PDB file of N, CA and C in Angstrom:
ATOM      1  N   MET A   1      21.911 -21.949  17.299  1.00  0.00           N
ATOM      2  CA  MET A   1      21.750 -21.197  18.521  1.00  0.00           C
ATOM      3  C   MET A   1      22.522 -19.898  18.390  1.00  0.00           C
ATOM      4  N   CYS A   2      21.973 -18.810  18.866  1.00  0.00           N
ATOM      5  CA  CYS A   2      22.619 -17.507  18.770  1.00  0.00           C
ATOM      6  C   CYS A   2      23.355 -17.184  20.056  1.00  0.00           C
ATOM      7  N   ALA A   3      24.519 -16.518  19.893  1.00  0.00           N
ATOM      8  CA  ALA A   3      25.315 -16.142  21.061  1.00  0.00           C
ATOM      9  C   ALA A   3      24.808 -14.855  21.691  1.00  0.00           C
ATOM     10  N   GLY A   4      24.227 -13.970  20.934  1.00  0.00           N
ATOM     11  CA  GLY A   4      23.719 -12.704  21.453  1.00  0.00           C
ATOM     12  C   GLY A   4      22.699 -12.115  20.497  1.00  0.00           C
ATOM     13  N   SER A   5      22.161 -10.979  20.852  1.00  0.00           N
ATOM     14  CA  SER A   5      21.112 -10.394  20.011  1.00  0.00           C
ATOM     15  C   SER A   5      21.669  -9.840  18.706  1.00  0.00           C
ATOM     16  N   ASN A   6      22.949  -9.475  18.673  1.00  0.00           N
ATOM     17  CA  ASN A   6      23.543  -8.938  17.449  1.00  0.00           C
ATOM     18  C   ASN A   6      24.328  -9.979  16.668  1.00  0.00           C
ATOM     19  N   ALA A   7      24.396 -11.195  17.139  1.00  0.00           N
ATOM     20  CA  ALA A   7      25.174 -12.244  16.482  1.00  0.00           C
ATOM     21  C   ALA A   7      24.391 -12.839  15.319  1.00  0.00           C
ATOM     22  N   ALA A   8      25.126 -13.282  14.306  1.00  0.00           N
ATOM     23  CA  ALA A   8      24.496 -13.969  13.180  1.00  0.00           C
ATOM     24  C   ALA A   8      24.146 -15.389  13.614  1.00  0.00           C
ATOM     25  N   CYS A   9      22.976 -15.841  13.256  1.00  0.00           N
ATOM     26  CA  CYS A   9      22.510 -17.164  13.668  1.00  0.00           C
ATOM     27  C   CYS A   9      22.540 -18.126  12.492  1.00  0.00           C
ATOM     28  N   THR A  10      22.796 -19.368  12.763  1.00  0.00           N
ATOM     29  CA  THR A  10      22.762 -20.414  11.752  1.00  0.00           C
ATOM     30  C   THR A  10      21.324 -20.882  11.596  1.00  0.00           C
ATOM     31  N   VAL A  11      20.862 -20.922  10.352  1.00  0.00           N
ATOM     32  CA  VAL A  11      19.505 -21.380  10.062  1.00  0.00           C
ATOM     33  C   VAL A  11      19.603 -22.811   9.569  1.00  0.00           C
ATOM     34  N   PHE A  12      18.934 -23.713  10.245  1.00  0.00           N
ATOM     35  CA  PHE A  12      18.959 -25.120   9.881  1.00  0.00           C
ATOM     36  C   PHE A  12      17.881 -25.426   8.862  1.00  0.00           C
ATOM     37  N   SER A  13      18.015 -26.541   8.182  1.00  0.00           N
ATOM     38  CA  SER A  13      17.058 -26.949   7.175  1.00  0.00           C
ATOM     39  C   SER A  13      15.677 -27.142   7.810  1.00  0.00           C
ATOM     40  N   GLY A  14      14.659 -26.617   7.152  1.00  0.00           N
ATOM     41  CA  GLY A  14      13.298 -26.718   7.666  1.00  0.00           C
ATOM     42  C   GLY A  14      12.883 -25.523   8.504  1.00  0.00           C
ATOM     43  N   GLN A  15      13.789 -24.577   8.722  1.00  0.00           N
ATOM     44  CA  GLN A  15      13.459 -23.369   9.468  1.00  0.00           C
ATOM     45  C   GLN A  15      13.361 -22.201   8.508  1.00  0.00           C
ATOM     46  N   PHE A  16      12.663 -21.147   8.949  1.00  0.00           N
ATOM     47  CA  PHE A  16      12.466 -19.974   8.109  1.00  0.00           C
ATOM     48  C   PHE A  16      13.405 -18.822   8.463  1.00  0.00           C
ATOM     49  N   GLY A  17      14.193 -18.938   9.500  1.00  0.00           N
ATOM     50  CA  GLY A  17      15.097 -17.869   9.897  1.00  0.00           C
ATOM     51  C   GLY A  17      14.689 -17.271  11.230  1.00  0.00           C
ATOM     52  N   ASN A  18      15.329 -16.181  11.585  1.00  0.00           N
ATOM     53  CA  ASN A  18      15.074 -15.583  12.893  1.00  0.00           C
ATOM     54  C   ASN A  18      14.549 -14.156  12.812  1.00  0.00           C
ATOM     55  N   VAL A  19      14.148 -13.698  11.628  1.00  0.00           N
ATOM     56  CA  VAL A  19      13.603 -12.350  11.495  1.00  0.00           C
ATOM     57  C   VAL A  19      12.181 -12.349  12.040  1.00  0.00           C
ATOM     58  N   GLY A  20      11.865 -11.322  12.806  1.00  0.00           N
ATOM     59  CA  GLY A  20      10.534 -11.214  13.394  1.00  0.00           C
ATOM     60  C   GLY A  20       9.469 -10.876  12.372  1.00  0.00           C
ATOM     61  N   ARG A  21       8.247 -10.999  12.800  1.00  0.00           N
ATOM     62  CA  ARG A  21       7.105 -10.716  11.942  1.00  0.00           C
ATOM     63  C   ARG A  21       7.029  -9.216  11.660  1.00  0.00           C
ATOM     64  N   ASN A  22       6.613  -8.855  10.448  1.00  0.00           N
ATOM     65  CA  ASN A  22       6.469  -7.467   9.992  1.00  0.00           C
ATOM     66  C   ASN A  22       7.782  -6.691  10.069  1.00  0.00           C
ATOM     67  N   ALA A  23       8.899  -7.336   9.784  1.00  0.00           N
ATOM     68  CA  ALA A  23      10.196  -6.669   9.820  1.00  0.00           C
ATOM     69  C   ALA A  23      10.450  -5.855   8.553  1.00  0.00           C
ATOM     70  N   LEU A  24       9.793  -6.181   7.448  1.00  0.00           N
ATOM     71  CA  LEU A  24       9.962  -5.455   6.199  1.00  0.00           C
ATOM     72  C   LEU A  24       8.752  -4.555   5.960  1.00  0.00           C
ATOM     73  N   TYR A  25       9.018  -3.326   5.589  1.00  0.00           N
ATOM     74  CA  TYR A  25       7.954  -2.374   5.309  1.00  0.00           C
ATOM     75  C   TYR A  25       7.999  -1.984   3.847  1.00  0.00           C
ATOM     76  N   GLY A  26       6.844  -1.834   3.263  1.00  0.00           N
ATOM     77  CA  GLY A  26       6.756  -1.402   1.882  1.00  0.00           C
ATOM     78  C   GLY A  26       6.541   0.102   1.814  1.00  0.00           C
ATOM     79  N   PRO A  27       6.393   0.633   0.614  1.00  0.00           N
ATOM     80  CA  PRO A  27       6.181   2.065   0.463  1.00  0.00           C
ATOM     81  C   PRO A  27       4.790   2.465   0.966  1.00  0.00           C
ATOM     82  N   GLY A  28       4.666   3.696   1.372  1.00  0.00           N
ATOM     83  CA  GLY A  28       3.383   4.206   1.870  1.00  0.00           C
ATOM     84  C   GLY A  28       2.347   4.328   0.759  1.00  0.00           C
ATOM     85  N   GLN A  29       1.104   4.301   1.130  1.00  0.00           N
ATOM     86  CA  GLN A  29       0.010   4.417   0.183  1.00  0.00           C
ATOM     87  C   GLN A  29      -0.604   5.806   0.305  1.00  0.00           C
ATOM     88  N   ILE A  30      -0.708   6.511  -0.812  1.00  0.00           N
ATOM     89  CA  ILE A  30      -1.298   7.852  -0.833  1.00  0.00           C
ATOM     90  C   ILE A  30      -2.440   7.830  -1.835  1.00  0.00           C
ATOM     91  N   ASN A  31      -3.609   8.254  -1.389  1.00  0.00           N
ATOM     92  CA  ASN A  31      -4.773   8.276  -2.257  1.00  0.00           C
ATOM     93  C   ASN A  31      -5.670   9.434  -1.847  1.00  0.00           C
ATOM     94  N   PHE A  32      -5.883  10.378  -2.754  1.00  0.00           N
ATOM     95  CA  PHE A  32      -6.760  11.513  -2.490  1.00  0.00           C
ATOM     96  C   PHE A  32      -7.967  11.420  -3.416  1.00  0.00           C
ATOM     97  N   ASP A  33      -9.141  11.331  -2.825  1.00  0.00           N
ATOM     98  CA  ASP A  33     -10.401  11.349  -3.563  1.00  0.00           C
ATOM     99  C   ASP A  33     -11.148  12.630  -3.198  1.00  0.00           C
ATOM    100  N   MET A  34     -11.993  13.091  -4.107  1.00  0.00           N
ATOM    101  CA  MET A  34     -12.715  14.328  -3.863  1.00  0.00           C
ATOM    102  C   MET A  34     -14.114  14.205  -4.461  1.00  0.00           C
ATOM    103  N   ALA A  35     -15.078  14.839  -3.799  1.00  0.00           N
ATOM    104  CA  ALA A  35     -16.444  14.892  -4.310  1.00  0.00           C
ATOM    105  C   ALA A  35     -16.960  16.322  -4.183  1.00  0.00           C
ATOM    106  N   LEU A  36     -17.586  16.795  -5.247  1.00  0.00           N
ATOM    107  CA  LEU A  36     -18.219  18.101  -5.236  1.00  0.00           C
ATOM    108  C   LEU A  36     -19.727  17.894  -5.385  1.00  0.00           C
ATOM    109  N   THR A  37     -20.483  18.557  -4.523  1.00  0.00           N
ATOM    110  CA  THR A  37     -21.936  18.398  -4.524  1.00  0.00           C
ATOM    111  C   THR A  37     -22.601  19.768  -4.488  1.00  0.00           C
ATOM    112  N   ARG A  38     -23.653  19.906  -5.264  1.00  0.00           N
ATOM    113  CA  ARG A  38     -24.433  21.136  -5.267  1.00  0.00           C
ATOM    114  C   ARG A  38     -25.909  20.759  -5.333  1.00  0.00           C
ATOM    115  N   ARG A  39     -26.721  21.356  -4.460  1.00  0.00           N
ATOM    116  CA  ARG A  39     -28.162  21.107  -4.430  1.00  0.00           C
ATOM    117  C   ARG A  39     -28.890  22.358  -4.901  1.00  0.00           C
ATOM    118  N   PHE A  40     -29.776  22.159  -5.881  1.00  0.00           N
ATOM    119  CA  PHE A  40     -30.594  23.251  -6.416  1.00  0.00           C
ATOM    120  C   PHE A  40     -32.050  23.000  -6.044  1.00  0.00           C
ATOM    121  N   ALA A  41     -32.718  24.037  -5.602  1.00  0.00           N
ATOM    122  CA  ALA A  41     -34.148  23.941  -5.289  1.00  0.00           C
ATOM    123  C   ALA A  41     -34.932  24.256  -6.562  1.00  0.00           C
ATOM    124  N   VAL A  42     -35.586  23.236  -7.119  1.00  0.00           N
ATOM    125  CA  VAL A  42     -36.394  23.413  -8.315  1.00  0.00           C
ATOM    126  C   VAL A  42     -37.738  24.017  -7.923  1.00  0.00           C
ATOM    127  N   SER A  43     -38.331  23.479  -6.894  1.00  0.00           N
ATOM    128  CA  SER A  43     -39.550  24.033  -6.303  1.00  0.00           C
ATOM    129  C   SER A  43     -39.455  23.765  -4.797  1.00  0.00           C
ATOM    130  N   GLU A  44     -40.521  24.087  -4.083  1.00  0.00           N
ATOM    131  CA  GLU A  44     -40.493  23.853  -2.645  1.00  0.00           C
ATOM    132  C   GLU A  44     -40.415  22.371  -2.325  1.00  0.00           C
ATOM    133  N   ARG A  45     -41.001  21.547  -3.181  1.00  0.00           N
ATOM    134  CA  ARG A  45     -41.026  20.106  -2.943  1.00  0.00           C
ATOM    135  C   ARG A  45     -39.860  19.374  -3.603  1.00  0.00           C
ATOM    136  N   TRP A  46     -39.405  19.831  -4.764  1.00  0.00           N
ATOM    137  CA  TRP A  46     -38.405  19.125  -5.552  1.00  0.00           C
ATOM    138  C   TRP A  46     -37.039  19.790  -5.438  1.00  0.00           C
ATOM    139  N   LYS A  47     -36.027  18.945  -5.308  1.00  0.00           N
ATOM    140  CA  LYS A  47     -34.638  19.398  -5.249  1.00  0.00           C
ATOM    141  C   LYS A  47     -33.830  18.636  -6.304  1.00  0.00           C
ATOM    142  N   LEU A  48     -32.812  19.266  -6.841  1.00  0.00           N
ATOM    143  CA  LEU A  48     -31.939  18.657  -7.827  1.00  0.00           C
ATOM    144  C   LEU A  48     -30.523  18.620  -7.251  1.00  0.00           C
ATOM    145  N   ASP A  49     -29.948  17.420  -7.169  1.00  0.00           N
ATOM    146  CA  ASP A  49     -28.595  17.253  -6.664  1.00  0.00           C
ATOM    147  C   ASP A  49     -27.658  16.955  -7.824  1.00  0.00           C
ATOM    148  N   LEU A  50     -26.569  17.711  -7.911  1.00  0.00           N
ATOM    149  CA  LEU A  50     -25.505  17.439  -8.866  1.00  0.00           C
ATOM    150  C   LEU A  50     -24.287  17.014  -8.073  1.00  0.00           C
ATOM    151  N   ARG A  51     -23.629  15.972  -8.548  1.00  0.00           N
ATOM    152  CA  ARG A  51     -22.467  15.453  -7.830  1.00  0.00           C
ATOM    153  C   ARG A  51     -21.398  15.033  -8.835  1.00  0.00           C
ATOM    154  N   ALA A  52     -20.162  15.386  -8.517  1.00  0.00           N
ATOM    155  CA  ALA A  52     -19.013  14.975  -9.325  1.00  0.00           C
ATOM    156  C   ALA A  52     -18.005  14.321  -8.394  1.00  0.00           C
ATOM    157  N   ASP A  53     -17.592  13.091  -8.718  1.00  0.00           N
ATOM    158  CA  ASP A  53     -16.606  12.356  -7.921  1.00  0.00           C
ATOM    159  C   ASP A  53     -15.304  12.266  -8.701  1.00  0.00           C
ATOM    160  N   PHE A  54     -14.199  12.507  -7.997  1.00  0.00           N
ATOM    161  CA  PHE A  54     -12.873  12.423  -8.597  1.00  0.00           C
ATOM    162  C   PHE A  54     -12.040  11.474  -7.749  1.00  0.00           C
ATOM    163  N   PHE A  55     -11.414  10.513  -8.389  1.00  0.00           N
ATOM    164  CA  PHE A  55     -10.608   9.519  -7.695  1.00  0.00           C
ATOM    165  C   PHE A  55      -9.145   9.672  -8.084  1.00  0.00           C
ATOM    166  N   ASN A  56      -8.260   9.589  -7.095  1.00  0.00           N
ATOM    167  CA  ASN A  56      -6.817   9.732  -7.275  1.00  0.00           C
ATOM    168  C   ASN A  56      -6.510  11.039  -8.002  1.00  0.00           C
ATOM    169  N   ILE A  57      -6.947  12.149  -7.419  1.00  0.00           N
ATOM    170  CA  ILE A  57      -6.827  13.445  -8.095  1.00  0.00           C
ATOM    171  C   ILE A  57      -5.375  13.895  -8.257  1.00  0.00           C
ATOM    172  N   MET A  58      -4.456  13.384  -7.453  1.00  0.00           N
ATOM    173  CA  MET A  58      -3.044  13.740  -7.593  1.00  0.00           C
ATOM    174  C   MET A  58      -2.335  12.866  -8.633  1.00  0.00           C
ATOM    175  N   ASN A  59      -3.008  11.845  -9.156  1.00  0.00           N
ATOM    176  CA  ASN A  59      -2.454  10.913 -10.145  1.00  0.00           C
ATOM    177  C   ASN A  59      -1.126  10.337  -9.644  1.00  0.00           C
ATOM    178  N   HIS A  60      -1.146   9.836  -8.427  1.00  0.00           N
ATOM    179  CA  HIS A  60       0.048   9.304  -7.768  1.00  0.00           C
ATOM    180  C   HIS A  60       0.032   7.785  -7.837  1.00  0.00           C
ATOM    181  N   ALA A  61       1.152   7.189  -8.282  1.00  0.00           N
ATOM    182  CA  ALA A  61       1.255   5.730  -8.355  1.00  0.00           C
ATOM    183  C   ALA A  61       1.589   5.171  -6.974  1.00  0.00           C
ATOM    184  N   ASN A  62       0.845   4.172  -6.525  1.00  0.00           N
ATOM    185  CA  ASN A  62       1.127   3.470  -5.273  1.00  0.00           C
ATOM    186  C   ASN A  62       1.794   2.153  -5.626  1.00  0.00           C
ATOM    187  N   TRP A  63       3.005   1.943  -5.119  1.00  0.00           N
ATOM    188  CA  TRP A  63       3.794   0.771  -5.488  1.00  0.00           C
ATOM    189  C   TRP A  63       3.545  -0.381  -4.542  1.00  0.00           C
ATOM    190  N   ASN A  64       3.658  -1.598  -5.077  1.00  0.00           N
ATOM    191  CA  ASN A  64       3.567  -2.805  -4.258  1.00  0.00           C
ATOM    192  C   ASN A  64       4.782  -2.912  -3.357  1.00  0.00           C
ATOM    193  N   ALA A  65       4.696  -3.816  -2.401  1.00  0.00           N
ATOM    194  CA  ALA A  65       5.824  -4.055  -1.506  1.00  0.00           C
ATOM    195  C   ALA A  65       7.003  -4.621  -2.293  1.00  0.00           C
ATOM    196  N   PRO A  66       8.225  -4.292  -1.902  1.00  0.00           N
ATOM    197  CA  PRO A  66       9.384  -4.833  -2.625  1.00  0.00           C
ATOM    198  C   PRO A  66       9.516  -6.336  -2.439  1.00  0.00           C
ATOM    199  N   GLY A  67      10.200  -6.978  -3.391  1.00  0.00           N
ATOM    200  CA  GLY A  67      10.402  -8.422  -3.335  1.00  0.00           C
ATOM    201  C   GLY A  67      11.180  -8.828  -2.099  1.00  0.00           C
ATOM    202  N   ALA A  68      10.708  -9.852  -1.390  1.00  0.00           N
ATOM    203  CA  ALA A  68      11.325 -10.281  -0.137  1.00  0.00           C
ATOM    204  C   ALA A  68      12.093 -11.581  -0.264  1.00  0.00           C
ATOM    205  N   ASN A  69      12.131 -12.177  -1.459  1.00  0.00           N
ATOM    206  CA  ASN A  69      12.866 -13.415  -1.667  1.00  0.00           C
ATOM    207  C   ASN A  69      14.333 -13.076  -1.905  1.00  0.00           C
ATOM    208  N   ILE A  70      15.184 -13.416  -0.958  1.00  0.00           N
ATOM    209  CA  ILE A  70      16.593 -13.011  -1.019  1.00  0.00           C
ATOM    210  C   ILE A  70      17.351 -13.692  -2.153  1.00  0.00           C
ATOM    211  N   THR A  71      16.860 -14.809  -2.658  1.00  0.00           N
ATOM    212  CA  THR A  71      17.538 -15.494  -3.755  1.00  0.00           C
ATOM    213  C   THR A  71      17.100 -14.978  -5.118  1.00  0.00           C
ATOM    214  N   SER A  72      16.115 -14.090  -5.159  1.00  0.00           N
ATOM    215  CA  SER A  72      15.604 -13.563  -6.417  1.00  0.00           C
ATOM    216  C   SER A  72      16.480 -12.415  -6.909  1.00  0.00           C
ATOM    217  N   GLY A  73      16.535 -12.237  -8.208  1.00  0.00           N
ATOM    218  CA  GLY A  73      17.274 -11.121  -8.782  1.00  0.00           C
ATOM    219  C   GLY A  73      16.587  -9.785  -8.574  1.00  0.00           C
ATOM    220  N   THR A  74      15.315  -9.813  -8.197  1.00  0.00           N
ATOM    221  CA  THR A  74      14.562  -8.580  -7.963  1.00  0.00           C
ATOM    222  C   THR A  74      14.362  -8.317  -6.476  1.00  0.00           C
ATOM    223  N   PHE A  75      15.251  -8.836  -5.634  1.00  0.00           N
ATOM    224  CA  PHE A  75      15.134  -8.632  -4.192  1.00  0.00           C
ATOM    225  C   PHE A  75      15.215  -7.138  -3.860  1.00  0.00           C
ATOM    226  N   GLY A  76      14.242  -6.659  -3.116  1.00  0.00           N
ATOM    227  CA  GLY A  76      14.227  -5.263  -2.681  1.00  0.00           C
ATOM    228  C   GLY A  76      13.706  -4.285  -3.711  1.00  0.00           C
ATOM    229  N   GLU A  77      13.226  -4.752  -4.845  1.00  0.00           N
ATOM    230  CA  GLU A  77      12.717  -3.867  -5.882  1.00  0.00           C
ATOM    231  C   GLU A  77      11.192  -3.889  -5.925  1.00  0.00           C
ATOM    232  N   SER A  78      10.597  -2.722  -6.115  1.00  0.00           N
ATOM    233  CA  SER A  78       9.159  -2.634  -6.360  1.00  0.00           C
ATOM    234  C   SER A  78       8.979  -2.597  -7.862  1.00  0.00           C
ATOM    235  N   ARG A  79       8.432  -3.661  -8.417  1.00  0.00           N
ATOM    236  CA  ARG A  79       8.393  -3.804  -9.871  1.00  0.00           C
ATOM    237  C   ARG A  79       7.080  -3.356 -10.515  1.00  0.00           C
ATOM    238  N   ARG A  80       6.006  -3.233  -9.748  1.00  0.00           N
ATOM    239  CA  ARG A  80       4.736  -2.816 -10.347  1.00  0.00           C
ATOM    240  C   ARG A  80       3.926  -2.021  -9.344  1.00  0.00           C
ATOM    241  N   SER A  81       2.960  -1.302  -9.852  1.00  0.00           N
ATOM    242  CA  SER A  81       2.119  -0.482  -8.980  1.00  0.00           C
ATOM    243  C   SER A  81       0.938  -1.300  -8.465  1.00  0.00           C
ATOM    244  N   ALA A  82       0.417  -0.880  -7.337  1.00  0.00           N
ATOM    245  CA  ALA A  82      -0.703  -1.578  -6.705  1.00  0.00           C
ATOM    246  C   ALA A  82      -2.000  -1.221  -7.422  1.00  0.00           C
ATOM    247  N   ARG A  83      -2.990  -2.089  -7.288  1.00  0.00           N
ATOM    248  CA  ARG A  83      -4.306  -1.822  -7.875  1.00  0.00           C
ATOM    249  C   ARG A  83      -5.007  -0.733  -7.073  1.00  0.00           C
ATOM    250  N   PRO A  84      -5.640   0.211  -7.731  1.00  0.00           N
ATOM    251  CA  PRO A  84      -6.388   1.232  -6.980  1.00  0.00           C
ATOM    252  C   PRO A  84      -7.653   0.634  -6.375  1.00  0.00           C
ATOM    253  N   ASP A  85      -7.963   1.066  -5.195  1.00  0.00           N
ATOM    254  CA  ASP A  85      -9.186   0.587  -4.510  1.00  0.00           C
ATOM    255  C   ASP A  85     -10.264   1.619  -4.562  1.00  0.00           C
TER     256      ASP A  85
END
């Protein structure tokens, strides 16, 4: 039982603690994609479309959320980058 909102609470066996949901935040995700399109009129009926797509044009690594297991040696560390979507 806690004495106040700032007091440390005892966690009993079988409980997960008193931290609220979504209390830990990971690093932000940045992803810039770009597409260039040009349409050429071959004739009045036919058109030619050229398109170039570029993904992650800033070449920025997006990191996974840091480790949340307090007993782990990697607690609070982001050890690998996230998969690009």
